[in-house]
């Protein structure tokens, strides 16, 4: 456990996880709280309230993009610290 490479890998992975949890909380809690004021604005040609549209489509798109971003960042962290996926199965 005293290997600095392992400690750095765990620290960077923990930081990435905390950033992702913060973004998840933002998109699942804070954005829906803003939906009521946003519902006063309607999207032209669709006649949908903006808050409803952002809640239904925007959050889903944000979660999908967050998943791909997380995977790419974690792969980079693993490459930087020479972590091989074959070794992770033990």
Protein backbone atom coordinates (compact mmCIF):
# COMPACT_ATOMS: atom_id res chain seq x y z
CA UNK A 1 0.00 0.00 0.00
CA UNK A 2 2.95 2.34 0.33
CA UNK A 3 3.52 2.40 -3.42
CA UNK A 4 3.19 6.06 -4.52
CA UNK A 5 1.82 4.98 -7.90
CA UNK A 6 -1.07 3.11 -6.28
CA UNK A 7 -1.79 5.98 -3.89
CA UNK A 8 -1.83 8.48 -6.74
CA UNK A 9 -4.10 6.24 -8.81
CA UNK A 10 -6.56 5.87 -5.94
CA UNK A 11 -6.50 9.60 -5.17
CA UNK A 12 -7.20 10.56 -8.80
CA UNK A 13 -9.93 7.89 -9.12
CA UNK A 14 -11.58 9.09 -5.89
CA UNK A 15 -11.47 12.68 -7.11
CA UNK A 16 -13.05 11.70 -10.44
CA UNK A 17 -15.76 9.76 -8.61
CA UNK A 18 -16.56 12.74 -6.37
CA UNK A 19 -16.77 15.05 -9.40
CA UNK A 20 -19.14 12.62 -11.08
CA UNK A 21 -21.30 12.37 -7.96
CA UNK A 22 -21.47 16.17 -7.81
CA UNK A 23 -22.52 16.39 -11.46
CA UNK A 24 -25.07 13.64 -10.94
CA UNK A 25 -26.54 15.52 -7.95
CA UNK A 26 -26.67 18.71 -9.99
CA UNK A 27 -28.53 17.12 -12.89
CA UNK A 28 -30.86 15.02 -10.73
CA UNK A 29 -31.67 17.48 -7.92
CA UNK A 30 -30.78 21.07 -8.79
CA UNK A 31 -32.03 21.17 -12.37
CA UNK A 32 -35.48 19.74 -11.46
CA UNK A 33 -35.75 22.42 -8.77
CA UNK A 34 -35.44 25.02 -11.53
CA UNK A 35 -38.13 23.40 -13.67
CA UNK A 36 -41.05 25.41 -12.29
CA UNK A 37 -39.67 28.82 -13.36
CA UNK A 38 -38.52 27.35 -16.67
CA UNK A 39 -42.00 26.01 -17.39
CA UNK A 40 -43.15 29.59 -18.00
CA UNK A 41 -41.09 29.57 -21.21
CA UNK A 42 -42.35 27.45 -24.09
CA UNK A 43 -40.32 26.05 -26.95
CA UNK A 44 -41.53 27.47 -30.28
CA UNK A 45 -43.04 25.02 -32.79
CA UNK A 46 -43.16 22.24 -30.17
CA UNK A 47 -45.38 24.02 -27.63
CA UNK A 48 -43.58 22.26 -24.80
CA UNK A 49 -42.62 23.97 -21.57
CA UNK A 50 -38.84 24.46 -21.43
CA UNK A 51 -38.57 22.96 -17.94
CA UNK A 52 -40.36 19.79 -19.01
CA UNK A 53 -38.18 19.46 -22.11
CA UNK A 54 -34.95 19.99 -20.15
CA UNK A 55 -36.04 17.55 -17.46
CA UNK A 56 -37.04 14.84 -19.89
CA UNK A 57 -34.39 15.19 -22.58
CA UNK A 58 -31.59 17.26 -21.12
CA UNK A 59 -31.03 15.16 -18.00
CA UNK A 60 -30.94 11.94 -20.01
CA UNK A 61 -28.46 13.40 -22.46
CA UNK A 62 -26.34 14.73 -19.59
CA UNK A 63 -26.21 11.30 -17.90
CA UNK A 64 -25.18 9.57 -21.13
CA UNK A 65 -22.45 12.15 -21.80
CA UNK A 66 -21.26 11.89 -18.18
CA UNK A 67 -20.94 8.11 -18.54
CA UNK A 68 -18.75 8.35 -21.63
CA UNK A 69 -16.69 11.18 -20.12
CA UNK A 70 -16.15 9.15 -16.93
CA UNK A 71 -15.01 6.08 -18.90
CA UNK A 72 -12.56 8.12 -20.97
CA UNK A 73 -11.11 9.87 -17.92
CA UNK A 74 -10.77 6.62 -15.96
CA UNK A 75 -9.00 4.97 -18.90
CA UNK A 76 -6.56 7.89 -19.00
CA UNK A 77 -5.94 7.61 -15.25
CA UNK A 78 -5.33 3.88 -15.62
CA UNK A 79 -2.92 4.45 -18.52
CA UNK A 80 -1.03 7.16 -16.63
CA UNK A 81 -0.49 4.79 -13.71
CA UNK A 82 0.20 1.70 -15.81
CA UNK A 83 -2.82 -0.19 -14.51
CA UNK A 84 -3.69 -3.13 -16.73
CA UNK A 85 -7.28 -4.38 -16.86
CA UNK A 86 -6.05 -7.97 -16.77
CA UNK A 87 -4.50 -7.30 -13.36
CA UNK A 88 -7.77 -5.83 -12.05
CA UNK A 89 -9.54 -9.21 -12.18
CA UNK A 90 -7.60 -10.58 -9.22
